[in-house]
Protein backbone atom coordinates (compact mmCIF):
# COMPACT_ATOMS: atom_id res chain seq x y z
CA MET A 1 -64.68 -24.76 -4.85
CA ALA A 2 -68.04 -23.31 -5.87
CA ALA A 3 -70.69 -22.78 -3.24
CA GLU A 4 -73.98 -20.99 -2.84
CA ILE A 5 -73.52 -17.71 -0.99
CA GLN A 6 -76.53 -15.81 0.38
CA PHE A 7 -76.30 -12.25 1.63
CA ASN A 8 -78.25 -9.02 1.66
CA VAL A 9 -76.99 -6.38 -0.77
CA ASN A 10 -78.45 -2.89 -0.55
CA GLY A 11 -81.62 -4.18 1.07
CA GLU A 12 -82.15 -7.08 -1.34
CA GLN A 13 -81.54 -10.73 -0.47
CA ARG A 14 -79.11 -12.19 -3.03
CA ARG A 15 -78.04 -15.75 -3.72
CA ILE A 16 -75.13 -16.55 -6.00
CA GLU A 17 -73.24 -19.68 -6.96
CA THR A 18 -69.54 -18.83 -7.04
CA GLU A 19 -66.07 -19.73 -5.91
CA GLN A 20 -65.85 -18.99 -2.17
CA GLU A 21 -62.39 -17.43 -2.45
CA ARG A 22 -63.44 -14.71 -4.90
CA SER A 23 -63.30 -11.18 -3.60
CA LEU A 24 -66.48 -9.41 -2.61
CA LEU A 25 -65.44 -6.60 -4.97
CA GLU A 26 -65.31 -8.94 -7.94
CA VAL A 27 -68.72 -10.43 -7.12
CA LEU A 28 -70.31 -7.01 -6.61
CA ARG A 29 -68.99 -5.61 -9.88
CA GLU A 30 -69.01 -8.63 -12.19
CA ASP A 31 -71.88 -10.78 -10.93
CA LEU A 32 -74.24 -8.20 -9.47
CA GLY A 33 -73.46 -5.24 -11.77
CA LEU A 34 -72.79 -2.85 -8.87
CA THR A 35 -69.95 -0.93 -10.48
CA GLY A 36 -70.01 2.06 -8.10
CA THR A 37 -67.52 0.23 -5.89
CA LYS A 38 -64.11 0.78 -7.48
CA TYR A 39 -61.03 -1.38 -7.88
CA GLY A 40 -58.05 0.64 -6.70
CA CYS A 41 -54.92 -1.13 -5.57
CA GLY A 42 -56.28 -4.65 -5.05
CA GLU A 43 -54.41 -4.86 -1.76
CA GLY A 44 -56.77 -3.08 0.65
CA GLU A 45 -54.40 -0.12 0.99
CA CYS A 46 -56.20 2.67 -0.90
CA ARG A 47 -59.76 1.96 0.27
CA ALA A 48 -61.36 2.92 -3.05
CA CYS A 49 -63.28 -0.36 -2.77
CA THR A 50 -64.79 0.34 0.67
CA VAL A 51 -68.28 -1.00 1.35
CA LEU A 52 -70.14 -1.53 4.61
CA VAL A 53 -70.61 -5.08 5.92
CA ASP A 54 -73.04 -5.16 8.82
CA GLY A 55 -72.38 -1.42 9.16
CA LYS A 56 -68.59 -1.69 9.31
CA ALA A 57 -66.33 -0.27 6.59
CA VAL A 58 -64.35 -3.04 4.89
CA GLN A 59 -62.12 -3.21 1.84
CA SER A 60 -64.06 -5.37 -0.58
CA CYS A 61 -60.97 -6.25 -2.63
CA ARG A 62 -59.56 -8.13 0.38
CA THR A 63 -62.86 -9.54 1.64
CA LYS A 64 -63.66 -13.08 0.50
CA VAL A 65 -67.24 -13.42 -0.64
CA GLN A 66 -67.71 -16.44 1.65
CA SER A 67 -67.16 -14.15 4.66
CA VAL A 68 -70.34 -12.17 3.93
CA GLN A 69 -72.60 -15.23 4.05
CA GLY A 70 -75.80 -14.13 5.83
CA LYS A 71 -74.58 -10.55 6.30
CA LYS A 72 -75.76 -7.13 5.15
CA VAL A 73 -73.62 -5.42 2.50
CA GLU A 74 -74.11 -1.78 1.54
CA THR A 75 -72.50 -0.20 -1.52
CA ILE A 76 -72.53 3.38 -2.79
CA GLU A 77 -75.62 2.47 -4.84
CA SER A 78 -77.60 2.05 -1.61
CA LEU A 79 -77.28 5.71 -0.64
CA GLY A 80 -79.86 8.34 -1.42
CA THR A 81 -83.56 7.75 -1.87
CA ASP A 82 -86.27 9.00 -4.19
CA GLY A 83 -83.74 10.82 -6.34
CA LYS A 84 -82.24 12.68 -3.38
CA LEU A 85 -78.62 12.39 -2.39
CA HIS A 86 -77.57 11.00 0.96
CA PRO A 87 -76.36 13.83 3.28
CA VAL A 88 -72.75 12.68 2.90
CA GLN A 89 -73.02 12.65 -0.89
CA ALA A 90 -74.57 16.13 -0.83
CA ALA A 91 -71.81 17.39 1.47
CA PHE A 92 -69.14 16.03 -0.90
CA LEU A 93 -70.74 17.90 -3.79
CA GLU A 94 -71.13 21.12 -1.83
CA ALA A 95 -67.53 21.03 -0.55
CA GLU A 96 -66.21 20.11 -4.01
CA ALA A 97 -64.53 17.14 -2.35
CA MET A 98 -63.64 15.40 -5.58
CA GLN A 99 -61.59 15.89 -8.66
CA CYS A 100 -61.41 12.75 -10.74
CA GLY A 101 -63.95 11.07 -8.43
CA TYR A 102 -62.44 7.60 -8.52
CA CYS A 103 -61.82 7.37 -4.77
CA VAL A 104 -65.07 9.09 -3.82
CA PRO A 105 -67.34 6.01 -3.44
CA GLY A 106 -64.91 4.49 -0.94
CA MET A 107 -64.50 7.80 0.87
CA ILE A 108 -68.25 8.30 1.10
CA MET A 109 -68.87 4.77 2.38
CA THR A 110 -66.13 5.17 5.00
CA ALA A 111 -67.67 8.48 6.10
CA VAL A 112 -71.21 7.04 6.22
CA GLY A 113 -70.12 4.13 8.41
CA PHE A 114 -68.13 6.43 10.67
CA LEU A 115 -70.89 9.04 11.08
CA ARG A 116 -73.48 6.40 11.92
CA ASN A 117 -71.45 5.62 15.02
CA ASN A 118 -70.23 9.12 15.83
CA ALA A 119 -72.80 11.84 15.30
CA SER A 120 -70.64 14.72 16.58
CA PRO A 121 -67.04 13.93 15.74
CA SER A 122 -64.10 16.27 16.27
CA ARG A 123 -61.88 17.10 13.31
CA GLU A 124 -59.23 14.82 14.79
CA GLN A 125 -61.71 11.93 14.91
CA ILE A 126 -62.64 12.56 11.28
CA VAL A 127 -58.98 12.58 10.27
CA GLN A 128 -58.46 9.29 12.12
CA ALA A 129 -61.56 7.69 10.57
CA MET A 130 -60.67 8.75 7.04
CA ASN A 131 -56.97 7.93 7.41
CA GLY A 132 -56.04 5.32 4.84
CA ASN A 133 -58.47 6.50 2.17
CA ILE A 134 -56.10 7.59 -0.57
CA CYS A 135 -56.95 10.38 -3.00
CA ARG A 136 -54.43 10.57 -5.82
CA CYS A 137 -55.72 14.09 -6.63
CA CYS A 138 -54.94 15.16 -3.04
CA GLY A 139 -58.38 16.57 -2.25
CA TYR A 140 -58.01 15.96 1.47
CA LYS A 141 -58.85 19.46 2.69
CA ASN A 142 -62.21 19.48 0.93
CA LEU A 143 -62.84 15.87 1.95
CA LEU A 144 -62.46 16.75 5.63
CA SER A 145 -64.73 19.77 5.18
CA ALA A 146 -67.35 17.56 3.53
CA VAL A 147 -67.37 15.03 6.38
CA GLU A 148 -67.55 17.85 8.97
CA SER A 149 -70.47 19.39 7.08
CA ALA A 150 -72.26 16.05 6.80
CA ALA A 151 -71.86 15.49 10.54
CA LYS A 152 -73.43 18.86 11.27
CA SER A 153 -76.35 18.23 8.90
CA LYS A 154 -77.43 14.99 10.60
């Protein structure tokens, strides 16, 4: 059943008419043109589709668009300002924490949400926070280094 859904996306109030059961990922990519969020497994297991909803990392492929009514959604496109990378993005580049790059938007959004709530995490806390983000290229060592570096640069 179609309904009007209103939510804030990357600082902009949005209103769309859509089926309530559609995934947030589908709406972000197809209706709003925010293609930085990637479709990975479609089951919420790989976390390539991670976005922040009211500051919390969620898998947008498993999140129904109706559940974000009135909430704040942040995608990878929201990071960085005035042509400058967000500190987490810069740390990923510096640490060479990507190969194919497909998983990187989800990894970065997970790290951003985590670091907002934990300014000085231990390596073990970083491992726990990033656990579940799957990198098919196996760039985990550099990923952990990037998140540690980003935490120190805050």
